[in-house]
PDB file of all heavy atoms in Angstrom:
ATOM      1  N   LEU A   1     145.746 114.866 110.231  1.00  0.00           N
ATOM      2  CA  LEU A   1     145.869 113.416 110.030  1.00  0.00           C
ATOM      3  C   LEU A   1     147.059 112.828 110.768  1.00  0.00           C
ATOM      4  O   LEU A   1     146.930 111.760 111.385  1.00  0.00           O
ATOM      5  CB  LEU A   1     145.918 113.071 108.539  1.00  0.00           C
ATOM      6  CG  LEU A   1     144.554 112.618 107.958  1.00  0.00           C
ATOM      7  CD1 LEU A   1     143.584 113.793 107.930  1.00  0.00           C
ATOM      8  CD2 LEU A   1     144.705 112.016 106.582  1.00  0.00           C
ATOM      9  N   PRO A   2     148.242 113.474 110.751  1.00  0.00           N
ATOM     10  CA  PRO A   2     149.348 112.928 111.554  1.00  0.00           C
ATOM     11  C   PRO A   2     148.997 112.823 113.040  1.00  0.00           C
ATOM     12  O   PRO A   2     149.388 111.860 113.706  1.00  0.00           O
ATOM     13  CB  PRO A   2     150.485 113.934 111.314  1.00  0.00           C
ATOM     14  CG  PRO A   2     150.207 114.479 109.951  1.00  0.00           C
ATOM     15  CD  PRO A   2     148.703 114.583 109.888  1.00  0.00           C
ATOM     16  N   ALA A   3     148.258 113.818 113.555  1.00  0.00           N
ATOM     17  CA  ALA A   3     147.846 113.773 114.965  1.00  0.00           C
ATOM     18  C   ALA A   3     146.860 112.632 115.201  1.00  0.00           C
ATOM     19  O   ALA A   3     146.938 111.936 116.222  1.00  0.00           O
ATOM     20  CB  ALA A   3     147.221 115.104 115.370  1.00  0.00           C
ATOM     21  N   LEU A   4     145.938 112.417 114.254  1.00  0.00           N
ATOM     22  CA  LEU A   4     145.003 111.306 114.377  1.00  0.00           C
ATOM     23  C   LEU A   4     145.740 109.968 114.334  1.00  0.00           C
ATOM     24  O   LEU A   4     145.399 109.038 115.063  1.00  0.00           O
ATOM     25  CB  LEU A   4     143.960 111.369 113.259  1.00  0.00           C
ATOM     26  CG  LEU A   4     142.969 112.532 113.321  1.00  0.00           C
ATOM     27  CD1 LEU A   4     142.003 112.463 112.141  1.00  0.00           C
ATOM     28  CD2 LEU A   4     142.189 112.530 114.626  1.00  0.00           C
ATOM     29  N   HIS A   5     146.752 109.886 113.487  1.00  0.00           N
ATOM     30  CA  HIS A   5     147.555 108.657 113.415  1.00  0.00           C
ATOM     31  C   HIS A   5     148.248 108.404 114.749  1.00  0.00           C
ATOM     32  O   HIS A   5     148.306 107.259 115.222  1.00  0.00           O
ATOM     33  CB  HIS A   5     148.576 108.762 112.288  1.00  0.00           C
ATOM     34  CG  HIS A   5     147.962 108.813 110.924  1.00  0.00           C
ATOM     35  ND1 HIS A   5     148.668 109.232 109.807  1.00  0.00           N
ATOM     36  CD2 HIS A   5     146.711 108.505 110.491  1.00  0.00           C
ATOM     37  CE1 HIS A   5     147.864 109.160 108.749  1.00  0.00           C
ATOM     38  NE2 HIS A   5     146.679 108.729 109.142  1.00  0.00           N
ATOM     39  N   ARG A   6     148.780 109.453 115.362  1.00  0.00           N
ATOM     40  CA  ARG A   6     149.432 109.298 116.667  1.00  0.00           C
ATOM     41  C   ARG A   6     148.426 108.871 117.731  1.00  0.00           C
ATOM     42  O   ARG A   6     148.790 108.212 118.708  1.00  0.00           O
ATOM     43  CB  ARG A   6     150.116 110.610 117.084  1.00  0.00           C
ATOM     44  CG  ARG A   6     151.353 110.966 116.275  1.00  0.00           C
ATOM     45  CD  ARG A   6     152.152 112.094 116.920  1.00  0.00           C
ATOM     46  NE  ARG A   6     151.445 113.359 116.905  1.00  0.00           N
ATOM     47  CZ  ARG A   6     151.459 114.231 115.900  1.00  0.00           C
ATOM     48  NH1 ARG A   6     152.159 113.954 114.790  1.00  0.00           N
ATOM     49  NH2 ARG A   6     150.807 115.368 115.964  1.00  0.00           N
ATOM     50  N   ALA A   7     147.171 109.237 117.526  1.00  0.00           N
ATOM     51  CA  ALA A   7     146.117 108.871 118.475  1.00  0.00           C
ATOM     52  C   ALA A   7     145.519 107.509 118.166  1.00  0.00           C
ATOM     53  O   ALA A   7     144.554 107.082 118.806  1.00  0.00           O
ATOM     54  CB  ALA A   7     145.018 109.935 118.463  1.00  0.00           C
ATOM     55  N   GLY A   8     146.077 106.810 117.170  1.00  0.00           N
ATOM     56  CA  GLY A   8     145.620 105.456 116.852  1.00  0.00           C
ATOM     57  C   GLY A   8     144.575 105.373 115.763  1.00  0.00           C
ATOM     58  O   GLY A   8     144.034 104.289 115.511  1.00  0.00           O
ATOM     59  N   LYS A   9     144.300 106.494 115.094  1.00  0.00           N
ATOM     60  CA  LYS A   9     143.324 106.501 113.994  1.00  0.00           C
ATOM     61  C   LYS A   9     144.081 106.421 112.664  1.00  0.00           C
ATOM     62  O   LYS A   9     144.563 107.424 112.141  1.00  0.00           O
ATOM     63  CB  LYS A   9     142.473 107.780 114.031  1.00  0.00           C
ATOM     64  CG  LYS A   9     141.790 108.042 115.365  1.00  0.00           C
ATOM     65  CD  LYS A   9     140.807 106.943 115.704  1.00  0.00           C
ATOM     66  CE  LYS A   9     140.139 107.206 117.043  1.00  0.00           C
ATOM     67  NZ  LYS A   9     139.279 106.080 117.460  1.00  0.00           N
ATOM     68  N   ASN A  10     144.174 105.207 112.115  1.00  0.00           N
ATOM     69  CA  ASN A  10     145.000 104.993 110.924  1.00  0.00           C
ATOM     70  C   ASN A  10     144.206 104.756 109.646  1.00  0.00           C
ATOM     71  O   ASN A  10     144.763 104.365 108.630  1.00  0.00           O
ATOM     72  CB  ASN A  10     145.937 103.810 111.164  1.00  0.00           C
ATOM     73  CG  ASN A  10     146.921 104.069 112.289  1.00  0.00           C
ATOM     74  OD1 ASN A  10     147.543 105.123 112.347  1.00  0.00           O
ATOM     75  ND2 ASN A  10     147.030 103.118 113.210  1.00  0.00           N
ATOM     76  N   ALA A  11     142.895 104.988 109.711  1.00  0.00           N
ATOM     77  CA  ALA A  11     142.052 104.804 108.518  1.00  0.00           C
ATOM     78  C   ALA A  11     141.114 105.997 108.404  1.00  0.00           C
ATOM     79  O   ALA A  11     139.898 105.876 108.512  1.00  0.00           O
ATOM     80  CB  ALA A  11     141.267 103.504 108.594  1.00  0.00           C
ATOM     81  N   VAL A  12     141.708 107.159 108.194  1.00  0.00           N
ATOM     82  CA  VAL A  12     140.951 108.408 108.100  1.00  0.00           C
ATOM     83  C   VAL A  12     140.759 108.767 106.631  1.00  0.00           C
ATOM     84  O   VAL A  12     141.722 108.807 105.865  1.00  0.00           O
ATOM     85  CB  VAL A  12     141.674 109.555 108.828  1.00  0.00           C
ATOM     86  CG1 VAL A  12     140.872 110.846 108.735  1.00  0.00           C
ATOM     87  CG2 VAL A  12     141.936 109.182 110.281  1.00  0.00           C
ATOM     88  N   GLY A  13     139.534 109.013 106.246  1.00  0.00           N
ATOM     89  CA  GLY A  13     139.250 109.368 104.862  1.00  0.00           C
ATOM     90  C   GLY A  13     139.050 110.858 104.691  1.00  0.00           C
ATOM     91  O   GLY A  13     138.396 111.501 105.517  1.00  0.00           O
ATOM     92  N   VAL A  14     139.640 111.421 103.643  1.00  0.00           N
ATOM     93  CA  VAL A  14     139.420 112.827 103.297  1.00  0.00           C
ATOM     94  C   VAL A  14     138.977 112.864 101.839  1.00  0.00           C
ATOM     95  O   VAL A  14     139.688 112.374 100.955  1.00  0.00           O
ATOM     96  CB  VAL A  14     140.683 113.683 103.483  1.00  0.00           C
ATOM     97  CG1 VAL A  14     140.386 115.147 103.137  1.00  0.00           C
ATOM     98  CG2 VAL A  14     141.210 113.576 104.909  1.00  0.00           C
ATOM     99  N   PHE A  15     137.812 113.450 101.595  1.00  0.00           N
ATOM    100  CA  PHE A  15     137.227 113.430 100.262  1.00  0.00           C
ATOM    101  C   PHE A  15     136.765 114.828  99.859  1.00  0.00           C
ATOM    102  O   PHE A  15     136.419 115.643 100.712  1.00  0.00           O
ATOM    103  CB  PHE A  15     136.012 112.484 100.226  1.00  0.00           C
ATOM    104  CG  PHE A  15     136.261 111.158 100.881  1.00  0.00           C
ATOM    105  CD1 PHE A  15     135.848 110.931 102.185  1.00  0.00           C
ATOM    106  CD2 PHE A  15     136.910 110.138 100.212  1.00  0.00           C
ATOM    107  CE1 PHE A  15     136.070 109.718 102.802  1.00  0.00           C
ATOM    108  CE2 PHE A  15     137.143 108.923 100.823  1.00  0.00           C
ATOM    109  CZ  PHE A  15     136.730 108.708 102.121  1.00  0.00           C
ATOM    110  N   LYS A  16     136.749 115.065  98.551  1.00  0.00           N
ATOM    111  CA  LYS A  16     136.253 116.332  98.017  1.00  0.00           C
ATOM    112  C   LYS A  16     135.141 116.060  97.015  1.00  0.00           C
ATOM    113  O   LYS A  16     135.130 115.015  96.360  1.00  0.00           O
ATOM    114  CB  LYS A  16     137.388 117.111  97.346  1.00  0.00           C
ATOM    115  CG  LYS A  16     138.481 117.557  98.305  1.00  0.00           C
ATOM    116  CD  LYS A  16     139.526 118.403  97.600  1.00  0.00           C
ATOM    117  CE  LYS A  16     140.600 118.874  98.579  1.00  0.00           C
ATOM    118  NZ  LYS A  16     141.606 119.741  97.912  1.00  0.00           N
ATOM    119  N   ASN A  17     134.225 117.024  96.928  1.00  0.00           N
ATOM    120  CA  ASN A  17     133.140 116.871  95.975  1.00  0.00           C
ATOM    121  C   ASN A  17     133.646 117.079  94.547  1.00  0.00           C
ATOM    122  O   ASN A  17     134.503 117.925  94.291  1.00  0.00           O
ATOM    123  CB  ASN A  17     131.991 117.838  96.280  1.00  0.00           C
ATOM    124  CG  ASN A  17     132.425 119.294  96.285  1.00  0.00           C
ATOM    125  OD1 ASN A  17     133.504 119.628  96.752  1.00  0.00           O
ATOM    126  ND2 ASN A  17     131.570 120.167  95.773  1.00  0.00           N
ATOM    127  N   ARG A  18     133.133 116.288  93.637  1.00  0.00           N
ATOM    128  CA  ARG A  18     133.498 116.435  92.236  1.00  0.00           C
ATOM    129  C   ARG A  18     132.843 117.697  91.686  1.00  0.00           C
ATOM    130  O   ARG A  18     131.666 117.938  91.919  1.00  0.00           O
ATOM    131  CB  ARG A  18     133.069 115.206  91.435  1.00  0.00           C
ATOM    132  CG  ARG A  18     133.897 113.979  91.775  1.00  0.00           C
ATOM    133  CD  ARG A  18     133.612 112.809  90.862  1.00  0.00           C
ATOM    134  NE  ARG A  18     134.632 111.791  91.033  1.00  0.00           N
ATOM    135  CZ  ARG A  18     135.813 111.799  90.432  1.00  0.00           C
ATOM    136  NH1 ARG A  18     136.100 112.766  89.603  1.00  0.00           N
ATOM    137  NH2 ARG A  18     136.690 110.842  90.643  1.00  0.00           N
ATOM    138  N   PRO A  19     133.602 118.525  90.941  1.00  0.00           N
ATOM    139  CA  PRO A  19     133.059 119.791  90.430  1.00  0.00           C
ATOM    140  C   PRO A  19     131.844 119.567  89.540  1.00  0.00           C
ATOM    141  O   PRO A  19     131.790 118.631  88.752  1.00  0.00           O
ATOM    142  CB  PRO A  19     134.225 120.366  89.616  1.00  0.00           C
ATOM    143  CG  PRO A  19     135.452 119.693  90.163  1.00  0.00           C
ATOM    144  CD  PRO A  19     135.004 118.316  90.557  1.00  0.00           C
ATOM    145  N   ALA A  20     130.867 120.417  89.691  1.00  0.00           N
ATOM    146  CA  ALA A  20     129.678 120.403  88.833  1.00  0.00           C
ATOM    147  C   ALA A  20     129.282 121.853  88.564  1.00  0.00           C
ATOM    148  O   ALA A  20     129.634 122.757  89.324  1.00  0.00           O
ATOM    149  CB  ALA A  20     128.533 119.654  89.511  1.00  0.00           C
ATOM    150  N   GLU A  21     128.563 122.071  87.480  1.00  0.00           N
ATOM    151  CA  GLU A  21     128.205 123.432  87.095  1.00  0.00           C
ATOM    152  C   GLU A  21     127.416 124.157  88.183  1.00  0.00           C
ATOM    153  O   GLU A  21     127.557 125.353  88.369  1.00  0.00           O
ATOM    154  CB  GLU A  21     127.392 123.392  85.799  1.00  0.00           C
ATOM    155  CG  GLU A  21     128.216 122.995  84.572  1.00  0.00           C
ATOM    156  CD  GLU A  21     127.394 123.041  83.296  1.00  0.00           C
ATOM    157  OE1 GLU A  21     126.233 123.486  83.368  1.00  0.00           O
ATOM    158  OE2 GLU A  21     127.915 122.653  82.243  1.00  0.00           O
ATOM    159  N   LYS A  22     126.595 123.414  88.907  1.00  0.00           N
ATOM    160  CA  LYS A  22     125.745 124.046  89.917  1.00  0.00           C
ATOM    161  C   LYS A  22     126.466 124.283  91.238  1.00  0.00           C
ATOM    162  O   LYS A  22     125.942 124.962  92.114  1.00  0.00           O
ATOM    163  CB  LYS A  22     124.501 123.199  90.155  1.00  0.00           C
ATOM    164  CG  LYS A  22     124.789 121.828  90.750  1.00  0.00           C
ATOM    165  CD  LYS A  22     123.494 121.056  90.984  1.00  0.00           C
ATOM    166  CE  LYS A  22     123.778 119.679  91.582  1.00  0.00           C
ATOM    167  NZ  LYS A  22     122.529 118.914  91.820  1.00  0.00           N
ATOM    168  N   ASP A  23     127.671 123.724  91.396  1.00  0.00           N
ATOM    169  CA  ASP A  23     128.398 123.873  92.651  1.00  0.00           C
ATOM    170  C   ASP A  23     128.891 125.305  92.828  1.00  0.00           C
ATOM    171  O   ASP A  23     129.523 125.872  91.941  1.00  0.00           O
ATOM    172  CB  ASP A  23     129.598 122.921  92.705  1.00  0.00           C
ATOM    173  CG  ASP A  23     129.182 121.473  92.916  1.00  0.00           C
ATOM    174  OD1 ASP A  23     128.029 121.261  93.305  1.00  0.00           O
ATOM    175  OD2 ASP A  23     130.012 120.582  92.681  1.00  0.00           O
ATOM    176  N   THR A  24     128.628 125.886  93.970  1.00  0.00           N
ATOM    177  CA  THR A  24     129.159 127.209  94.307  1.00  0.00           C
ATOM    178  C   THR A  24     130.025 127.140  95.554  1.00  0.00           C
ATOM    179  O   THR A  24     130.694 128.103  95.895  1.00  0.00           O
ATOM    180  CB  THR A  24     128.017 128.209  94.553  1.00  0.00           C
ATOM    181  OG1 THR A  24     127.182 127.714  95.600  1.00  0.00           O
ATOM    182  CG2 THR A  24     127.191 128.415  93.286  1.00  0.00           C
ATOM    183  N   THR A  25     129.997 125.987  96.231  1.00  0.00           N
ATOM    184  CA  THR A  25     130.763 125.807  97.461  1.00  0.00           C
ATOM    185  C   THR A  25     131.663 124.581  97.335  1.00  0.00           C
ATOM    186  O   THR A  25     131.249 123.554  96.827  1.00  0.00           O
ATOM    187  CB  THR A  25     129.824 125.612  98.666  1.00  0.00           C
ATOM    188  OG1 THR A  25     128.966 126.751  98.775  1.00  0.00           O
ATOM    189  CG2 THR A  25     130.611 125.457  99.956  1.00  0.00           C
ATOM    190  N   ILE A  26     132.900 124.731  97.778  1.00  0.00           N
ATOM    191  CA  ILE A  26     133.821 123.595  97.828  1.00  0.00           C
ATOM    192  C   ILE A  26     133.542 122.836  99.128  1.00  0.00           C
ATOM    193  O   ILE A  26     133.505 123.431 100.208  1.00  0.00           O
ATOM    194  CB  ILE A  26     135.281 124.074  97.805  1.00  0.00           C
ATOM    195  CG1 ILE A  26     135.545 124.929  96.564  1.00  0.00           C
ATOM    196  CG2 ILE A  26     136.243 122.886  97.854  1.00  0.00           C
ATOM    197  CD1 ILE A  26     136.856 125.693  96.617  1.00  0.00           C
ATOM    198  N   LEU A  27     133.340 121.526  99.021  1.00  0.00           N
ATOM    199  CA  LEU A  27     133.071 120.710 100.201  1.00  0.00           C
ATOM    200  C   LEU A  27     134.205 119.712 100.403  1.00  0.00           C
ATOM    201  O   LEU A  27     134.643 119.054  99.462  1.00  0.00           O
ATOM    202  CB  LEU A  27     131.748 119.962 100.046  1.00  0.00           C
ATOM    203  CG  LEU A  27     130.486 120.816  99.909  1.00  0.00           C
ATOM    204  CD1 LEU A  27     129.280 119.924  99.681  1.00  0.00           C
ATOM    205  CD2 LEU A  27     130.275 121.690 101.141  1.00  0.00           C
ATOM    206  N   VAL A  28     134.651 119.597 101.647  1.00  0.00           N
ATOM    207  CA  VAL A  28     135.682 118.623 102.008  1.00  0.00           C
ATOM    208  C   VAL A  28     135.127 117.791 103.162  1.00  0.00           C
ATOM    209  O   VAL A  28     134.689 118.333 104.186  1.00  0.00           O
ATOM    210  CB  VAL A  28     136.995 119.304 102.426  1.00  0.00           C
ATOM    211  CG1 VAL A  28     138.029 118.256 102.829  1.00  0.00           C
ATOM    212  CG2 VAL A  28     137.540 120.171 101.293  1.00  0.00           C
ATOM    213  N   TYR A  29     135.153 116.464 102.991  1.00  0.00           N
ATOM    214  CA  TYR A  29     134.601 115.528 103.973  1.00  0.00           C
ATOM    215  C   TYR A  29     135.738 114.790 104.672  1.00  0.00           C
ATOM    216  O   TYR A  29     136.644 114.269 104.014  1.00  0.00           O
ATOM    217  CB  TYR A  29     133.701 114.503 103.280  1.00  0.00           C
ATOM    218  CG  TYR A  29     132.507 115.066 102.553  1.00  0.00           C
ATOM    219  CD1 TYR A  29     132.647 115.709 101.330  1.00  0.00           C
ATOM    220  CD2 TYR A  29     131.222 114.940 103.085  1.00  0.00           C
ATOM    221  CE1 TYR A  29     131.544 116.224 100.648  1.00  0.00           C
ATOM    222  CE2 TYR A  29     130.116 115.445 102.420  1.00  0.00           C
ATOM    223  CZ  TYR A  29     130.291 116.083 101.204  1.00  0.00           C
ATOM    224  OH  TYR A  29     129.198 116.591 100.528  1.00  0.00           O
ATOM    225  N   VAL A  30     135.681 114.733 105.991  1.00  0.00           N
ATOM    226  CA  VAL A  30     136.676 114.002 106.777  1.00  0.00           C
ATOM    227  C   VAL A  30     135.954 112.912 107.570  1.00  0.00           C
ATOM    228  O   VAL A  30     135.109 113.208 108.424  1.00  0.00           O
ATOM    229  CB  VAL A  30     137.446 114.935 107.733  1.00  0.00           C
ATOM    230  CG1 VAL A  30     138.489 114.136 108.516  1.00  0.00           C
ATOM    231  CG2 VAL A  30     138.114 116.067 106.964  1.00  0.00           C
ATOM    232  N   LEU A  31     136.272 111.657 107.275  1.00  0.00           N
ATOM    233  CA  LEU A  31     135.628 110.507 107.912  1.00  0.00           C
ATOM    234  C   LEU A  31     136.585 109.861 108.906  1.00  0.00           C
ATOM    235  O   LEU A  31     137.693 109.457 108.538  1.00  0.00           O
ATOM    236  CB  LEU A  31     135.208 109.488 106.849  1.00  0.00           C
ATOM    237  CG  LEU A  31     134.590 108.180 107.359  1.00  0.00           C
ATOM    238  CD1 LEU A  31     133.244 108.438 108.015  1.00  0.00           C
ATOM    239  CD2 LEU A  31     134.456 107.173 106.216  1.00  0.00           C
ATOM    240  N   ILE A  32     136.151 109.757 110.167  1.00  0.00           N
ATOM    241  CA  ILE A  32     136.990 109.172 111.215  1.00  0.00           C
ATOM    242  C   ILE A  32     136.224 108.038 111.889  1.00  0.00           C
ATOM    243  O   ILE A  32     135.113 108.239 112.381  1.00  0.00           O
ATOM    244  CB  ILE A  32     137.367 110.217 112.287  1.00  0.00           C
ATOM    245  CG1 ILE A  32     137.963 111.474 111.644  1.00  0.00           C
ATOM    246  CG2 ILE A  32     138.359 109.623 113.292  1.00  0.00           C
ATOM    247  CD1 ILE A  32     138.173 112.608 112.630  1.00  0.00           C
ATOM    248  N   PRO A  33     136.792 106.824 111.929  1.00  0.00           N
ATOM    249  CA  PRO A  33     136.135 105.700 112.619  1.00  0.00           C
ATOM    250  C   PRO A  33     136.509 105.663 114.101  1.00  0.00           C
ATOM    251  O   PRO A  33     137.620 106.034 114.490  1.00  0.00           O
ATOM    252  CB  PRO A  33     136.699 104.484 111.886  1.00  0.00           C
ATOM    253  CG  PRO A  33     138.078 104.914 111.480  1.00  0.00           C
ATOM    254  CD  PRO A  33     137.998 106.399 111.206  1.00  0.00           C
ATOM    255  N   PHE A  34     135.566 105.201 114.925  1.00  0.00           N
ATOM    256  CA  PHE A  34     135.791 105.055 116.366  1.00  0.00           C
ATOM    257  C   PHE A  34     135.296 103.682 116.810  1.00  0.00           C
ATOM    258  O   PHE A  34     134.283 103.191 116.311  1.00  0.00           O
ATOM    259  CB  PHE A  34     135.050 106.139 117.148  1.00  0.00           C
ATOM    260  CG  PHE A  34     135.533 107.535 116.892  1.00  0.00           C
ATOM    261  CD1 PHE A  34     135.014 108.289 115.847  1.00  0.00           C
ATOM    262  CD2 PHE A  34     136.503 108.105 117.695  1.00  0.00           C
ATOM    263  CE1 PHE A  34     135.455 109.579 115.604  1.00  0.00           C
ATOM    264  CE2 PHE A  34     136.964 109.399 117.467  1.00  0.00           C
ATOM    265  CZ  PHE A  34     136.432 110.138 116.414  1.00  0.00           C
ATOM    266  N   LYS A  35     135.988 103.090 117.759  1.00  0.00           N
ATOM    267  CA  LYS A  35     135.598 101.784 118.277  1.00  0.00           C
ATOM    268  C   LYS A  35     134.556 101.864 119.379  1.00  0.00           C
ATOM    269  O   LYS A  35     133.962 100.863 119.754  1.00  0.00           O
ATOM    270  CB  LYS A  35     136.841 101.039 118.797  1.00  0.00           C
ATOM    271  CG  LYS A  35     137.808 100.630 117.696  1.00  0.00           C
ATOM    272  CD  LYS A  35     137.141  99.690 116.691  1.00  0.00           C
ATOM    273  CE  LYS A  35     138.111  99.224 115.627  1.00  0.00           C
ATOM    274  NZ  LYS A  35     137.443  98.377 114.598  1.00  0.00           N
ATOM    275  N   SER A  36     134.347 103.055 119.923  1.00  0.00           N
ATOM    276  CA  SER A  36     133.329 103.228 120.956  1.00  0.00           C
ATOM    277  C   SER A  36     132.836 104.663 120.912  1.00  0.00           C
ATOM    278  O   SER A  36     133.527 105.564 120.406  1.00  0.00           O
ATOM    279  CB  SER A  36     133.884 102.918 122.349  1.00  0.00           C
ATOM    280  OG  SER A  36     134.818 103.908 122.745  1.00  0.00           O
ATOM    281  N   PHE A  37     131.651 104.884 121.466  1.00  0.00           N
ATOM    282  CA  PHE A  37     131.102 106.244 121.501  1.00  0.00           C
ATOM    283  C   PHE A  37     131.926 107.135 122.423  1.00  0.00           C
ATOM    284  O   PHE A  37     132.133 108.319 122.137  1.00  0.00           O
ATOM    285  CB  PHE A  37     129.648 106.202 121.969  1.00  0.00           C
ATOM    286  CG  PHE A  37     128.950 107.523 121.862  1.00  0.00           C
ATOM    287  CD1 PHE A  37     128.494 107.996 120.645  1.00  0.00           C
ATOM    288  CD2 PHE A  37     128.759 108.310 122.989  1.00  0.00           C
ATOM    289  CE1 PHE A  37     127.854 109.227 120.542  1.00  0.00           C
ATOM    290  CE2 PHE A  37     128.108 109.544 122.901  1.00  0.00           C
ATOM    291  CZ  PHE A  37     127.659 109.998 121.670  1.00  0.00           C
ATOM    292  N   GLU A  38     132.413 106.560 123.510  1.00  0.00           N
ATOM    293  CA  GLU A  38     133.201 107.344 124.472  1.00  0.00           C
ATOM    294  C   GLU A  38     134.472 107.913 123.848  1.00  0.00           C
ATOM    295  O   GLU A  38     134.931 108.990 124.224  1.00  0.00           O
ATOM    296  CB  GLU A  38     133.567 106.478 125.682  1.00  0.00           C
ATOM    297  CG  GLU A  38     132.391 106.076 126.547  1.00  0.00           C
ATOM    298  CD  GLU A  38     131.656 104.846 126.027  1.00  0.00           C
ATOM    299  OE1 GLU A  38     132.017 104.342 124.949  1.00  0.00           O
ATOM    300  OE2 GLU A  38     130.728 104.402 126.717  1.00  0.00           O
ATOM    301  N   SER A  39     135.055 107.190 122.901  1.00  0.00           N
ATOM    302  CA  SER A  39     136.323 107.622 122.310  1.00  0.00           C
ATOM    303  C   SER A  39     136.169 108.838 121.415  1.00  0.00           C
ATOM    304  O   SER A  39     137.155 109.492 121.081  1.00  0.00           O
ATOM    305  CB  SER A  39     136.959 106.473 121.523  1.00  0.00           C
ATOM    306  OG  SER A  39     136.115 106.057 120.458  1.00  0.00           O
ATOM    307  N   ILE A  40     134.938 109.173 121.020  1.00  0.00           N
ATOM    308  CA  ILE A  40     134.719 110.362 120.193  1.00  0.00           C
ATOM    309  C   ILE A  40     135.075 111.620 120.990  1.00  0.00           C
ATOM    310  O   ILE A  40     135.792 112.497 120.512  1.00  0.00           O
ATOM    311  CB  ILE A  40     133.256 110.428 119.710  1.00  0.00           C
ATOM    312  CG1 ILE A  40     132.944 109.231 118.812  1.00  0.00           C
ATOM    313  CG2 ILE A  40     133.000 111.729 118.955  1.00  0.00           C
ATOM    314  CD1 ILE A  40     131.502 109.148 118.377  1.00  0.00           C
ATOM    315  N   ALA A  41     134.576 111.687 122.214  1.00  0.00           N
ATOM    316  CA  ALA A  41     134.853 112.852 123.051  1.00  0.00           C
ATOM    317  C   ALA A  41     136.311 112.901 123.485  1.00  0.00           C
ATOM    318  O   ALA A  41     136.911 113.984 123.549  1.00  0.00           O
ATOM    319  CB  ALA A  41     133.941 112.842 124.273  1.00  0.00           C
ATOM    320  N   SER A  42     136.905 111.767 123.777  1.00  0.00           N
ATOM    321  CA  SER A  42     138.287 111.737 124.266  1.00  0.00           C
ATOM    322  C   SER A  42     139.287 112.146 123.194  1.00  0.00           C
ATOM    323  O   SER A  42     140.401 112.572 123.506  1.00  0.00           O
ATOM    324  CB  SER A  42     138.638 110.349 124.795  1.00  0.00           C
ATOM    325  OG  SER A  42     138.610 109.382 123.767  1.00  0.00           O
ATOM    326  N   LEU A  43     138.898 112.050 121.917  1.00  0.00           N
ATOM    327  CA  LEU A  43     139.837 112.424 120.847  1.00  0.00           C
ATOM    328  C   LEU A  43     140.210 113.902 120.935  1.00  0.00           C
ATOM    329  O   LEU A  43     141.387 114.257 120.793  1.00  0.00           O
ATOM    330  CB  LEU A  43     139.224 112.116 119.479  1.00  0.00           C
ATOM    331  CG  LEU A  43     140.074 112.551 118.275  1.00  0.00           C
ATOM    332  CD1 LEU A  43     141.415 111.828 118.262  1.00  0.00           C
ATOM    333  CD2 LEU A  43     139.322 112.304 116.965  1.00  0.00           C
ATOM    334  N   GLU A  44     139.232 114.761 121.157  1.00  0.00           N
ATOM    335  CA  GLU A  44     139.517 116.192 121.247  1.00  0.00           C
ATOM    336  C   GLU A  44     140.465 116.499 122.408  1.00  0.00           C
ATOM    337  O   GLU A  44     141.331 117.368 122.297  1.00  0.00           O
ATOM    338  CB  GLU A  44     138.211 116.980 121.411  1.00  0.00           C
ATOM    339  CG  GLU A  44     137.336 116.994 120.174  1.00  0.00           C
ATOM    340  CD  GLU A  44     138.036 117.580 118.956  1.00  0.00           C
ATOM    341  OE1 GLU A  44     138.730 118.608 119.104  1.00  0.00           O
ATOM    342  OE2 GLU A  44     137.897 117.002 117.858  1.00  0.00           O
ATOM    343  N   GLU A  45     140.316 115.777 123.495  1.00  0.00           N
ATOM    344  CA  GLU A  45     141.210 115.966 124.636  1.00  0.00           C
ATOM    345  C   GLU A  45     142.641 115.608 124.258  1.00  0.00           C
ATOM    346  O   GLU A  45     143.592 116.305 124.630  1.00  0.00           O
ATOM    347  CB  GLU A  45     140.745 115.107 125.818  1.00  0.00           C
ATOM    348  CG  GLU A  45     139.377 115.501 126.368  1.00  0.00           C
ATOM    349  CD  GLU A  45     138.930 114.595 127.501  1.00  0.00           C
ATOM    350  OE1 GLU A  45     139.757 113.777 127.960  1.00  0.00           O
ATOM    351  OE2 GLU A  45     137.776 114.704 127.941  1.00  0.00           O
TER     352      GLU A  45
END
């Protein structure tokens, strides 16, 4: 997240699934917004 902030991404969401009896896997979701499709590839660079 600090690296994303330095890259101009200041609204990054990180979420976890609420525990349930049937859950056997922990899930973590990371949501990143982009202003253009091209910027998705350039982020990794």
